[in-house]
PDB file of N, CA and C in Angstrom:
ATOM      1  N   MET A   1      84.266  93.568  87.302  1.00  0.00           N
ATOM      2  CA  MET A   1      83.779  93.086  88.328  1.00  0.00           C
ATOM      3  C   MET A   1      82.741  94.171  89.003  1.00  0.00           C
ATOM      4  N   LEU A   2      81.638  94.024  89.435  1.00  0.00           N
ATOM      5  CA  LEU A   2      80.795  94.909  90.034  1.00  0.00           C
ATOM      6  C   LEU A   2      81.218  95.230  91.392  1.00  0.00           C
ATOM      7  N   ALA A   3      81.192  96.414  91.851  1.00  0.00           N
ATOM      8  CA  ALA A   3      81.573  96.711  93.153  1.00  0.00           C
ATOM      9  C   ALA A   3      80.569  95.908  94.306  1.00  0.00           C
ATOM     10  N   ASN A   4      80.947  95.533  95.450  1.00  0.00           N
ATOM     11  CA  ASN A   4      80.163  95.024  96.550  1.00  0.00           C
ATOM     12  C   ASN A   4      80.035  96.030  97.569  1.00  0.00           C
ATOM     13  N   GLU A   5      78.771  96.159  97.855  1.00  0.00           N
ATOM     14  CA  GLU A   5      78.261  97.230  98.889  1.00  0.00           C
ATOM     15  C   GLU A   5      79.190  96.987 100.223  1.00  0.00           C
ATOM     16  N   ALA A   6      79.289  95.789 100.751  1.00  0.00           N
ATOM     17  CA  ALA A   6      79.779  95.881 102.049  1.00  0.00           C
ATOM     18  C   ALA A   6      81.286  96.203 101.973  1.00  0.00           C
ATOM     19  N   LYS A   7      81.939  95.838 100.834  1.00  0.00           N
ATOM     20  CA  LYS A   7      83.489  96.115 100.731  1.00  0.00           C
ATOM     21  C   LYS A   7      83.599  97.589 100.366  1.00  0.00           C
ATOM     22  N   LEU A   8      82.776  98.308  99.632  1.00  0.00           N
ATOM     23  CA  LEU A   8      82.689  99.647  99.389  1.00  0.00           C
ATOM     24  C   LEU A   8      82.496 100.409 100.972  1.00  0.00           C
ATOM     25  N   ALA A   9      81.596  99.806 101.571  1.00  0.00           N
ATOM     26  CA  ALA A   9      81.277 100.437 102.951  1.00  0.00           C
ATOM     27  C   ALA A   9      82.626 100.381 103.966  1.00  0.00           C
ATOM     28  N   GLN A  10      83.422  99.224 103.766  1.00  0.00           N
ATOM     29  CA  GLN A  10      84.464  99.031 104.701  1.00  0.00           C
ATOM     30  C   GLN A  10      85.650 100.046 104.043  1.00  0.00           C
ATOM     31  N   VAL A  11      85.772 100.241 102.824  1.00  0.00           N
ATOM     32  CA  VAL A  11      86.752 101.399 102.173  1.00  0.00           C
ATOM     33  C   VAL A  11      86.167 102.881 102.848  1.00  0.00           C
ATOM     34  N   LEU A  12      85.027 103.031 102.650  1.00  0.00           N
ATOM     35  CA  LEU A  12      84.550 104.244 103.089  1.00  0.00           C
ATOM     36  C   LEU A  12      84.836 104.642 104.647  1.00  0.00           C
ATOM     37  N   LEU A  13      84.296 103.510 105.357  1.00  0.00           N
ATOM     38  CA  LEU A  13      84.654 103.736 106.804  1.00  0.00           C
ATOM     39  C   LEU A  13      86.278 103.923 107.344  1.00  0.00           C
ATOM     40  N   ASN A  14      87.139 103.242 106.565  1.00  0.00           N
ATOM     41  CA  ASN A  14      88.550 103.236 106.741  1.00  0.00           C
ATOM     42  C   ASN A  14      88.951 104.767 106.372  1.00  0.00           C
ATOM     43  N   VAL A  15      88.491 105.214 105.361  1.00  0.00           N
ATOM     44  CA  VAL A  15      88.898 106.584 104.751  1.00  0.00           C
ATOM     45  C   VAL A  15      88.224 107.697 105.997  1.00  0.00           C
ATOM     46  N   LEU A  16      87.013 107.491 106.239  1.00  0.00           N
ATOM     47  CA  LEU A  16      86.494 108.655 107.242  1.00  0.00           C
ATOM     48  C   LEU A  16      87.100 108.294 108.659  1.00  0.00           C
ATOM     49  N   ILE A  17      87.444 107.295 108.953  1.00  0.00           N
ATOM     50  CA  ILE A  17      88.088 107.072 110.317  1.00  0.00           C
ATOM     51  C   ILE A  17      89.207 107.863 110.247  1.00  0.00           C
ATOM     52  N   ASN A  18      89.940 107.548 109.327  1.00  0.00           N
ATOM     53  CA  ASN A  18      91.464 108.329 109.161  1.00  0.00           C
ATOM     54  C   ASN A  18      91.241 109.761 109.135  1.00  0.00           C
ATOM     55  N   ALA A  19      90.264 110.322 108.418  1.00  0.00           N
ATOM     56  CA  ALA A  19      89.963 111.842 108.286  1.00  0.00           C
ATOM     57  C   ALA A  19      89.611 112.099 109.741  1.00  0.00           C
ATOM     58  N   ALA A  20      88.767 111.697 110.471  1.00  0.00           N
ATOM     59  CA  ALA A  20      88.349 112.155 111.741  1.00  0.00           C
ATOM     60  C   ALA A  20      89.611 111.964 112.792  1.00  0.00           C
ATOM     61  N   GLN A  21      90.474 110.972 112.645  1.00  0.00           N
ATOM     62  CA  GLN A  21      91.499 110.856 113.590  1.00  0.00           C
ATOM     63  C   GLN A  21      92.628 111.774 113.355  1.00  0.00           C
ATOM     64  N   ALA A  22      92.420 112.364 111.946  1.00  0.00           N
ATOM     65  CA  ALA A  22      93.787 113.269 111.583  1.00  0.00           C
ATOM     66  C   ALA A  22      93.538 114.732 112.205  1.00  0.00           C
ATOM     67  N   ILE A  23      92.135 115.031 112.720  1.00  0.00           N
ATOM     68  CA  ILE A  23      91.884 116.351 112.983  1.00  0.00           C
ATOM     69  C   ILE A  23      92.127 116.522 114.609  1.00  0.00           C
ATOM     70  N   PRO A  24      93.016 117.430 114.935  1.00  0.00           N
ATOM     71  CA  PRO A  24      93.353 117.643 116.375  1.00  0.00           C
ATOM     72  C   PRO A  24      92.280 118.006 117.325  1.00  0.00           C
ATOM     73  N   ASP A  25      92.434 117.678 118.536  1.00  0.00           N
ATOM     74  CA  ASP A  25      91.455 118.017 119.391  1.00  0.00           C
ATOM     75  C   ASP A  25      91.162 119.463 119.595  1.00  0.00           C
ATOM     76  N   GLY A  26      90.095 120.055 119.978  1.00  0.00           N
ATOM     77  CA  GLY A  26      89.772 121.383 120.167  1.00  0.00           C
ATOM     78  C   GLY A  26      89.357 122.157 119.029  1.00  0.00           C
ATOM     79  N   TYR A  27      88.939 123.321 119.050  1.00  0.00           N
ATOM     80  CA  TYR A  27      88.534 124.285 118.058  1.00  0.00           C
ATOM     81  C   TYR A  27      87.381 123.523 117.183  1.00  0.00           C
ATOM     82  N   ARG A  28      86.582 122.948 117.830  1.00  0.00           N
ATOM     83  CA  ARG A  28      85.514 122.113 116.929  1.00  0.00           C
ATOM     84  C   ARG A  28      84.874 123.014 115.692  1.00  0.00           C
ATOM     85  N   HIS A  29      84.620 124.283 115.993  1.00  0.00           N
ATOM     86  CA  HIS A  29      84.093 124.844 114.955  1.00  0.00           C
ATOM     87  C   HIS A  29      85.062 125.230 113.622  1.00  0.00           C
ATOM     88  N   ALA A  30      86.373 124.828 113.726  1.00  0.00           N
ATOM     89  CA  ALA A  30      87.280 125.093 112.760  1.00  0.00           C
ATOM     90  C   ALA A  30      87.494 123.633 111.999  1.00  0.00           C
ATOM     91  N   ASN A  31      87.133 122.491 112.746  1.00  0.00           N
ATOM     92  CA  ASN A  31      87.484 121.303 112.130  1.00  0.00           C
ATOM     93  C   ASN A  31      86.392 120.678 111.187  1.00  0.00           C
ATOM     94  N   GLU A  32      86.550 120.166 110.118  1.00  0.00           N
ATOM     95  CA  GLU A  32      85.756 119.688 109.085  1.00  0.00           C
ATOM     96  C   GLU A  32      86.095 118.423 108.349  1.00  0.00           C
ATOM     97  N   VAL A  33      85.106 117.450 108.013  1.00  0.00           N
ATOM     98  CA  VAL A  33      85.479 116.497 107.110  1.00  0.00           C
ATOM     99  C   VAL A  33      84.276 116.766 106.101  1.00  0.00           C
ATOM    100  N   HIS A  34      84.724 116.764 104.703  1.00  0.00           N
ATOM    101  CA  HIS A  34      83.663 117.027 103.740  1.00  0.00           C
ATOM    102  C   HIS A  34      83.528 115.707 102.806  1.00  0.00           C
ATOM    103  N   ILE A  35      82.593 115.266 102.417  1.00  0.00           N
ATOM    104  CA  ILE A  35      82.375 114.260 101.639  1.00  0.00           C
ATOM    105  C   ILE A  35      81.589 114.701 100.275  1.00  0.00           C
ATOM    106  N   CYS A  36      82.337 114.358  99.202  1.00  0.00           N
ATOM    107  CA  CYS A  36      81.522 114.755  98.066  1.00  0.00           C
ATOM    108  C   CYS A  36      81.535 113.781  96.819  1.00  0.00           C
ATOM    109  N   THR A  37      80.636 113.402  96.164  1.00  0.00           N
ATOM    110  CA  THR A  37      80.730 112.547  95.078  1.00  0.00           C
ATOM    111  C   THR A  37      80.400 113.252  93.801  1.00  0.00           C
ATOM    112  N   PHE A  38      80.897 112.812  92.619  1.00  0.00           N
ATOM    113  CA  PHE A  38      80.752 113.228  91.426  1.00  0.00           C
ATOM    114  C   PHE A  38      81.225 112.369  90.327  1.00  0.00           C
ATOM    115  N   ARG A  39      80.943 112.645  88.888  1.00  0.00           N
ATOM    116  CA  ARG A  39      81.222 111.844  88.125  1.00  0.00           C
ATOM    117  C   ARG A  39      82.409 112.528  87.122  1.00  0.00           C
ATOM    118  N   ARG A  40      83.431 111.775  86.973  1.00  0.00           N
ATOM    119  CA  ARG A  40      84.628 112.320  86.082  1.00  0.00           C
ATOM    120  C   ARG A  40      84.670 111.393  84.918  1.00  0.00           C
ATOM    121  N   ASP A  41      84.440 111.995  83.750  1.00  0.00           N
ATOM    122  CA  ASP A  41      84.363 110.952  82.645  1.00  0.00           C
ATOM    123  C   ASP A  41      83.771 109.650  82.716  1.00  0.00           C
ATOM    124  N   ASP A  42      84.292 108.651  82.601  1.00  0.00           N
ATOM    125  CA  ASP A  42      83.424 107.329  82.852  1.00  0.00           C
ATOM    126  C   ASP A  42      83.723 106.655  84.190  1.00  0.00           C
ATOM    127  N   ASN A  43      83.899 107.430  85.408  1.00  0.00           N
ATOM    128  CA  ASN A  43      84.117 107.291  86.674  1.00  0.00           C
ATOM    129  C   ASN A  43      83.216 107.877  87.550  1.00  0.00           C
ATOM    130  N   VAL A  44      82.978 107.302  88.785  1.00  0.00           N
ATOM    131  CA  VAL A  44      82.472 107.988  89.931  1.00  0.00           C
ATOM    132  C   VAL A  44      83.423 108.143  90.953  1.00  0.00           C
ATOM    133  N   VAL A  45      83.577 109.242  91.384  1.00  0.00           N
ATOM    134  CA  VAL A  45      84.577 109.743  92.439  1.00  0.00           C
ATOM    135  C   VAL A  45      83.837 110.000  93.863  1.00  0.00           C
ATOM    136  N   ILE A  46      84.322 109.394  94.834  1.00  0.00           N
ATOM    137  CA  ILE A  46      84.130 109.691  96.166  1.00  0.00           C
ATOM    138  C   ILE A  46      85.213 110.482  96.748  1.00  0.00           C
ATOM    139  N   SER A  47      84.969 111.813  97.186  1.00  0.00           N
ATOM    140  CA  SER A  47      86.116 112.743  97.702  1.00  0.00           C
ATOM    141  C   SER A  47      85.946 112.925  99.199  1.00  0.00           C
ATOM    142  N   VAL A  48      86.858 112.610 100.141  1.00  0.00           N
ATOM    143  CA  VAL A  48      86.873 112.815 101.414  1.00  0.00           C
ATOM    144  C   VAL A  48      87.911 113.748 101.761  1.00  0.00           C
ATOM    145  N   SER A  49      87.575 115.111 102.203  1.00  0.00           N
ATOM    146  CA  SER A  49      88.517 116.010 102.749  1.00  0.00           C
ATOM    147  C   SER A  49      88.450 116.325 104.060  1.00  0.00           C
ATOM    148  N   ASP A  50      89.687 116.585 104.561  1.00  0.00           N
ATOM    149  CA  ASP A  50      89.572 117.037 106.226  1.00  0.00           C
ATOM    150  C   ASP A  50      90.538 118.152 106.396  1.00  0.00           C
ATOM    151  N   THR A  51      90.227 118.794 107.547  1.00  0.00           N
ATOM    152  CA  THR A  51      91.037 119.962 107.847  1.00  0.00           C
ATOM    153  C   THR A  51      92.082 119.478 108.944  1.00  0.00           C
ATOM    154  N   GLY A  52      92.429 118.281 109.043  1.00  0.00           N
ATOM    155  CA  GLY A  52      93.324 117.975 109.803  1.00  0.00           C
ATOM    156  C   GLY A  52      94.844 118.342 109.576  1.00  0.00           C
ATOM    157  N   VAL A  53      95.827 117.591 110.340  1.00  0.00           N
ATOM    158  CA  VAL A  53      97.274 117.899 110.373  1.00  0.00           C
ATOM    159  C   VAL A  53      97.893 117.762 108.985  1.00  0.00           C
ATOM    160  N   GLY A  54      97.355 116.811 108.064  1.00  0.00           N
ATOM    161  CA  GLY A  54      98.157 116.820 106.819  1.00  0.00           C
ATOM    162  C   GLY A  54      99.223 115.673 106.978  1.00  0.00           C
ATOM    163  N   ILE A  55      99.645 115.244 105.783  1.00  0.00           N
ATOM    164  CA  ILE A  55     100.599 114.137 105.909  1.00  0.00           C
ATOM    165  C   ILE A  55     101.930 114.648 105.131  1.00  0.00           C
ATOM    166  N   ALA A  56     103.061 114.425 105.374  1.00  0.00           N
ATOM    167  CA  ALA A  56     104.447 114.584 105.151  1.00  0.00           C
ATOM    168  C   ALA A  56     104.673 113.820 103.991  1.00  0.00           C
ATOM    169  N   ASP A  57     105.356 114.532 102.797  1.00  0.00           N
ATOM    170  CA  ASP A  57     105.639 113.410 101.649  1.00  0.00           C
ATOM    171  C   ASP A  57     106.178 112.141 101.947  1.00  0.00           C
ATOM    172  N   ASP A  58     107.153 112.096 102.802  1.00  0.00           N
ATOM    173  CA  ASP A  58     107.883 110.804 103.193  1.00  0.00           C
ATOM    174  C   ASP A  58     106.914 109.946 103.806  1.00  0.00           C
ATOM    175  N   ILE A  59     105.882 110.334 104.431  1.00  0.00           N
ATOM    176  CA  ILE A  59     105.041 109.474 104.916  1.00  0.00           C
ATOM    177  C   ILE A  59     103.886 109.097 103.847  1.00  0.00           C
ATOM    178  N   LEU A  60     103.489 110.007 103.181  1.00  0.00           N
ATOM    179  CA  LEU A  60     102.660 109.749 102.068  1.00  0.00           C
ATOM    180  C   LEU A  60     103.190 108.683 101.364  1.00  0.00           C
ATOM    181  N   ASP A  61     104.370 108.539 100.840  1.00  0.00           N
ATOM    182  CA  ASP A  61     104.809 107.503 100.072  1.00  0.00           C
ATOM    183  C   ASP A  61     104.478 106.232 100.513  1.00  0.00           C
ATOM    184  N   ARG A  62     104.406 105.985 102.026  1.00  0.00           N
ATOM    185  CA  ARG A  62     104.330 104.661 102.511  1.00  0.00           C
ATOM    186  C   ARG A  62     102.830 104.360 102.974  1.00  0.00           C
ATOM    187  N   ALA A  63     101.844 105.444 102.801  1.00  0.00           N
ATOM    188  CA  ALA A  63     100.391 105.265 103.178  1.00  0.00           C
ATOM    189  C   ALA A  63      99.841 104.020 103.078  1.00  0.00           C
ATOM    190  N   PHE A  64     100.006 103.338 101.782  1.00  0.00           N
ATOM    191  CA  PHE A  64      99.427 102.268 101.508  1.00  0.00           C
ATOM    192  C   PHE A  64     100.057 100.951 101.802  1.00  0.00           C
ATOM    193  N   ASP A  65     101.270 101.100 102.294  1.00  0.00           N
ATOM    194  CA  ASP A  65     102.284  99.815 102.860  1.00  0.00           C
ATOM    195  C   ASP A  65     101.354  99.155 103.949  1.00  0.00           C
ATOM    196  N   PRO A  66     101.310  97.912 103.909  1.00  0.00           N
ATOM    197  CA  PRO A  66     100.729  97.092 105.029  1.00  0.00           C
ATOM    198  C   PRO A  66     101.359  97.130 106.322  1.00  0.00           C
ATOM    199  N   PHE A  67     100.827  97.494 107.425  1.00  0.00           N
ATOM    200  CA  PHE A  67     101.125  97.636 108.698  1.00  0.00           C
ATOM    201  C   PHE A  67     101.841  99.061 109.032  1.00  0.00           C
ATOM    202  N   PHE A  68     101.883  99.799 107.935  1.00  0.00           N
ATOM    203  CA  PHE A  68     102.511 101.329 108.250  1.00  0.00           C
ATOM    204  C   PHE A  68     101.500 102.039 108.894  1.00  0.00           C
ATOM    205  N   THR A  69     101.704 102.768 110.004  1.00  0.00           N
ATOM    206  CA  THR A  69     100.878 103.499 110.672  1.00  0.00           C
ATOM    207  C   THR A  69     101.441 104.614 111.488  1.00  0.00           C
ATOM    208  N   THR A  70     101.077 105.766 111.580  1.00  0.00           N
ATOM    209  CA  THR A  70     101.608 106.973 112.220  1.00  0.00           C
ATOM    210  C   THR A  70     100.919 107.106 113.726  1.00  0.00           C
ATOM    211  N   LYS A  71      99.666 106.205 113.938  1.00  0.00           N
ATOM    212  CA  LYS A  71      98.981 106.136 115.084  1.00  0.00           C
ATOM    213  C   LYS A  71      99.393 105.369 116.207  1.00  0.00           C
ATOM    214  N   ASP A  72      98.827 105.592 117.448  1.00  0.00           N
ATOM    215  CA  ASP A  72      99.221 104.561 118.391  1.00  0.00           C
ATOM    216  C   ASP A  72      98.498 103.308 118.092  1.00  0.00           C
ATOM    217  N   ALA A  73      99.140 102.018 118.708  1.00  0.00           N
ATOM    218  CA  ALA A  73      98.626 100.885 118.314  1.00  0.00           C
ATOM    219  C   ALA A  73      97.161 100.695 118.800  1.00  0.00           C
ATOM    220  N   ILE A  74      96.929 101.346 119.735  1.00  0.00           N
ATOM    221  CA  ILE A  74      95.220 101.455 119.897  1.00  0.00           C
ATOM    222  C   ILE A  74      94.515 101.954 118.881  1.00  0.00           C
ATOM    223  N   LYS A  75      94.824 103.050 118.299  1.00  0.00           N
ATOM    224  CA  LYS A  75      94.047 103.622 117.269  1.00  0.00           C
ATOM    225  C   LYS A  75      94.252 102.925 115.810  1.00  0.00           C
ATOM    226  N   GLY A  76      95.189 102.168 115.622  1.00  0.00           N
ATOM    227  CA  GLY A  76      95.296 101.545 114.080  1.00  0.00           C
ATOM    228  C   GLY A  76      96.254 100.597 114.112  1.00  0.00           C
ATOM    229  N   THR A  77      96.061  99.587 112.999  1.00  0.00           N
ATOM    230  CA  THR A  77      96.993  98.677 112.650  1.00  0.00           C
ATOM    231  C   THR A  77      97.788  98.876 111.543  1.00  0.00           C
ATOM    232  N   GLY A  78      97.424  99.899 110.768  1.00  0.00           N
ATOM    233  CA  GLY A  78      98.192 100.328 109.446  1.00  0.00           C
ATOM    234  C   GLY A  78      97.640  99.387 108.302  1.00  0.00           C
ATOM    235  N   LEU A  79      96.542  98.787 108.428  1.00  0.00           N
ATOM    236  CA  LEU A  79      95.970  98.051 107.481  1.00  0.00           C
ATOM    237  C   LEU A  79      95.007  98.708 106.691  1.00  0.00           C
ATOM    238  N   GLY A  80      94.278  99.658 107.176  1.00  0.00           N
ATOM    239  CA  GLY A  80      93.001 100.271 106.593  1.00  0.00           C
ATOM    240  C   GLY A  80      93.463 100.689 105.011  1.00  0.00           C
ATOM    241  N   LEU A  81      94.168 101.487 104.783  1.00  0.00           N
ATOM    242  CA  LEU A  81      94.491 102.008 103.533  1.00  0.00           C
ATOM    243  C   LEU A  81      95.139 100.926 102.566  1.00  0.00           C
ATOM    244  N   SER A  82      95.835 100.156 103.120  1.00  0.00           N
ATOM    245  CA  SER A  82      96.346  98.898 102.144  1.00  0.00           C
ATOM    246  C   SER A  82      95.013  97.987 101.707  1.00  0.00           C
ATOM    247  N   ILE A  83      94.225  97.541 102.721  1.00  0.00           N
ATOM    248  CA  ILE A  83      93.092  96.898 102.422  1.00  0.00           C
ATOM    249  C   ILE A  83      92.182  97.567 101.429  1.00  0.00           C
ATOM    250  N   SER A  84      92.006  98.765 101.721  1.00  0.00           N
ATOM    251  CA  SER A  84      91.187  99.694 100.823  1.00  0.00           C
ATOM    252  C   SER A  84      91.551  99.605  99.658  1.00  0.00           C
ATOM    253  N   ARG A  85      92.864  99.793  99.170  1.00  0.00           N
ATOM    254  CA  ARG A  85      93.349  99.906  97.999  1.00  0.00           C
ATOM    255  C   ARG A  85      93.146  98.425  97.325  1.00  0.00           C
ATOM    256  N   GLN A  86      93.588  97.284  97.921  1.00  0.00           N
ATOM    257  CA  GLN A  86      93.228  95.996  97.438  1.00  0.00           C
ATOM    258  C   GLN A  86      91.860  95.858  96.989  1.00  0.00           C
ATOM    259  N   ILE A  87      90.830  96.236  97.927  1.00  0.00           N
ATOM    260  CA  ILE A  87      89.390  96.154  97.555  1.00  0.00           C
ATOM    261  C   ILE A  87      89.035  96.876  96.251  1.00  0.00           C
ATOM    262  N   LEU A  88      89.411  97.972  96.175  1.00  0.00           N
ATOM    263  CA  LEU A  88      89.154  99.008  95.045  1.00  0.00           C
ATOM    264  C   LEU A  88      89.805  98.550  93.877  1.00  0.00           C
ATOM    265  N   GLN A  89      91.009  97.912  94.011  1.00  0.00           N
ATOM    266  CA  GLN A  89      91.487  97.359  92.511  1.00  0.00           C
ATOM    267  C   GLN A  89      90.695  96.053  92.107  1.00  0.00           C
ATOM    268  N   GLN A  90      90.083  95.136  93.077  1.00  0.00           N
ATOM    269  CA  GLN A  90      89.361  94.287  92.495  1.00  0.00           C
ATOM    270  C   GLN A  90      88.202  94.828  91.735  1.00  0.00           C
ATOM    271  N   PHE A  91      87.727  95.806  91.844  1.00  0.00           N
ATOM    272  CA  PHE A  91      86.722  96.383  91.140  1.00  0.00           C
ATOM    273  C   PHE A  91      87.062  97.608  90.086  1.00  0.00           C
ATOM    274  N   ASP A  92      88.410  97.380  89.536  1.00  0.00           N
ATOM    275  CA  ASP A  92      89.040  98.287  88.629  1.00  0.00           C
ATOM    276  C   ASP A  92      88.929  99.631  89.158  1.00  0.00           C
ATOM    277  N   GLY A  93      89.088  99.769  90.406  1.00  0.00           N
ATOM    278  CA  GLY A  93      89.167 101.360  90.881  1.00  0.00           C
ATOM    279  C   GLY A  93      90.378 101.706  91.432  1.00  0.00           C
ATOM    280  N   ARG A  94      90.518 102.777  91.951  1.00  0.00           N
ATOM    281  CA  ARG A  94      91.736 103.283  92.592  1.00  0.00           C
ATOM    282  C   ARG A  94      91.409 104.279  93.760  1.00  0.00           C
ATOM    283  N   ILE A  95      92.466 104.490  94.743  1.00  0.00           N
ATOM    284  CA  ILE A  95      92.587 105.521  95.781  1.00  0.00           C
ATOM    285  C   ILE A  95      93.751 106.231  95.639  1.00  0.00           C
ATOM    286  N   ASP A  96      93.420 107.539  95.623  1.00  0.00           N
ATOM    287  CA  ASP A  96      94.563 108.566  95.593  1.00  0.00           C
ATOM    288  C   ASP A  96      94.645 109.459  97.066  1.00  0.00           C
ATOM    289  N   ILE A  97      95.641 109.773  97.434  1.00  0.00           N
ATOM    290  CA  ILE A  97      95.792 110.860  98.475  1.00  0.00           C
ATOM    291  C   ILE A  97      96.527 112.104  98.161  1.00  0.00           C
ATOM    292  N   ASP A  98      96.024 113.261  98.442  1.00  0.00           N
ATOM    293  CA  ASP A  98      96.627 114.560  98.248  1.00  0.00           C
ATOM    294  C   ASP A  98      96.782 115.212  99.632  1.00  0.00           C
ATOM    295  N   SER A  99      97.697 115.488  99.920  1.00  0.00           N
ATOM    296  CA  SER A  99      97.944 116.140 101.354  1.00  0.00           C
ATOM    297  C   SER A  99      99.237 117.079 101.515  1.00  0.00           C
ATOM    298  N   SER A 100      99.137 117.978 102.503  1.00  0.00           N
ATOM    299  CA  SER A 100     100.203 118.685 102.776  1.00  0.00           C
ATOM    300  C   SER A 100     100.192 118.970 104.259  1.00  0.00           C
ATOM    301  N   PRO A 101     101.439 118.929 104.851  1.00  0.00           N
ATOM    302  CA  PRO A 101     101.537 119.213 106.378  1.00  0.00           C
ATOM    303  C   PRO A 101     100.644 120.430 106.773  1.00  0.00           C
ATOM    304  N   GLY A 102      99.734 120.469 107.617  1.00  0.00           N
ATOM    305  CA  GLY A 102      99.185 121.590 108.058  1.00  0.00           C
ATOM    306  C   GLY A 102      97.904 122.066 107.077  1.00  0.00           C
ATOM    307  N   ALA A 103      97.747 121.261 106.116  1.00  0.00           N
ATOM    308  CA  ALA A 103      96.739 121.710 105.172  1.00  0.00           C
ATOM    309  C   ALA A 103      95.627 120.790 104.937  1.00  0.00           C
ATOM    310  N   GLY A 104      95.860 119.910 105.740  1.00  0.00           N
ATOM    311  CA  GLY A 104      94.612 118.785 105.550  1.00  0.00           C
ATOM    312  C   GLY A 104      94.949 117.776 104.557  1.00  0.00           C
ATOM    313  N   THR A 105      94.050 116.813 104.293  1.00  0.00           N
ATOM    314  CA  THR A 105      94.129 115.765 103.142  1.00  0.00           C
ATOM    315  C   THR A 105      92.778 115.453 102.634  1.00  0.00           C
ATOM    316  N   THR A 106      93.153 115.103 101.264  1.00  0.00           N
ATOM    317  CA  THR A 106      91.792 114.832 100.472  1.00  0.00           C
ATOM    318  C   THR A 106      92.064 113.188  99.811  1.00  0.00           C
ATOM    319  N   VAL A 107      91.272 112.449 100.078  1.00  0.00           N
ATOM    320  CA  VAL A 107      91.431 111.079  99.435  1.00  0.00           C
ATOM    321  C   VAL A 107      90.351 110.750  98.449  1.00  0.00           C
ATOM    322  N   GLU A 108      90.646 110.496  97.259  1.00  0.00           N
ATOM    323  CA  GLU A 108      89.714 110.231  96.280  1.00  0.00           C
ATOM    324  C   GLU A 108      89.528 108.916  96.096  1.00  0.00           C
ATOM    325  N   ILE A 109      88.624 108.342  95.895  1.00  0.00           N
ATOM    326  CA  ILE A 109      88.048 106.978  95.706  1.00  0.00           C
ATOM    327  C   ILE A 109      87.567 107.058  94.394  1.00  0.00           C
ATOM    328  N   THR A 110      88.034 106.191  93.490  1.00  0.00           N
ATOM    329  CA  THR A 110      87.560 106.299  91.904  1.00  0.00           C
ATOM    330  C   THR A 110      87.011 105.004  91.340  1.00  0.00           C
ATOM    331  N   LEU A 111      85.985 104.859  90.993  1.00  0.00           N
ATOM    332  CA  LEU A 111      85.421 103.550  90.452  1.00  0.00           C
ATOM    333  C   LEU A 111      84.834 103.855  88.970  1.00  0.00           C
ATOM    334  N   PRO A 112      85.045 102.604  88.119  1.00  0.00           N
ATOM    335  CA  PRO A 112      84.309 102.815  86.918  1.00  0.00           C
ATOM    336  C   PRO A 112      82.803 102.848  86.968  1.00  0.00           C
ATOM    337  N   VAL A 113      82.172 103.624  86.138  1.00  0.00           N
ATOM    338  CA  VAL A 113      80.685 103.613  86.151  1.00  0.00           C
ATOM    339  C   VAL A 113      80.195 102.251  85.346  1.00  0.00           C
ATOM    340  N   HIS A 114      79.453 101.554  86.036  1.00  0.00           N
ATOM    341  CA  HIS A 114      78.679 100.493  85.334  1.00  0.00           C
ATOM    342  C   HIS A 114      77.583 100.719  84.438  1.00  0.00           C
ATOM    343  N   THR A 115      77.664 100.486  83.030  1.00  0.00           N
ATOM    344  CA  THR A 115      76.996 100.705  82.095  1.00  0.00           C
ATOM    345  C   THR A 115      76.166  99.703  81.638  1.00  0.00           C
ATOM    346  N   GLY A 116      76.116  98.608  82.116  1.00  0.00           N
ATOM    347  CA  GLY A 116      75.385  97.273  81.698  1.00  0.00           C
ATOM    348  C   GLY A 116      74.082  97.294  82.012  1.00  0.00           C
TER     349      GLY A 116
END
């Protein structure tokens, strides 16, 4: 199935909001969110990296669980990554997270290249 622009926008928005919220207040000059796109084999990859607080392994294992969040109720429902994964799976894609506490996080969104 071909990817849908609105659904891909929803995935990107979820990932970007998470990246922005992971960055602690202060030190504006040291805080960054990087977005990079590239092709890997027969896939297109969108990589979003932040200089935020990072995610501990025990939490990272639950990141895609519905309603799991480390945020206050005002900032999140715990559905963003779960929904994002479901959307990407509809398009034969995936979402992966690489993170370490204190070292930031990188989220990779991978989708097959359409060749038709």
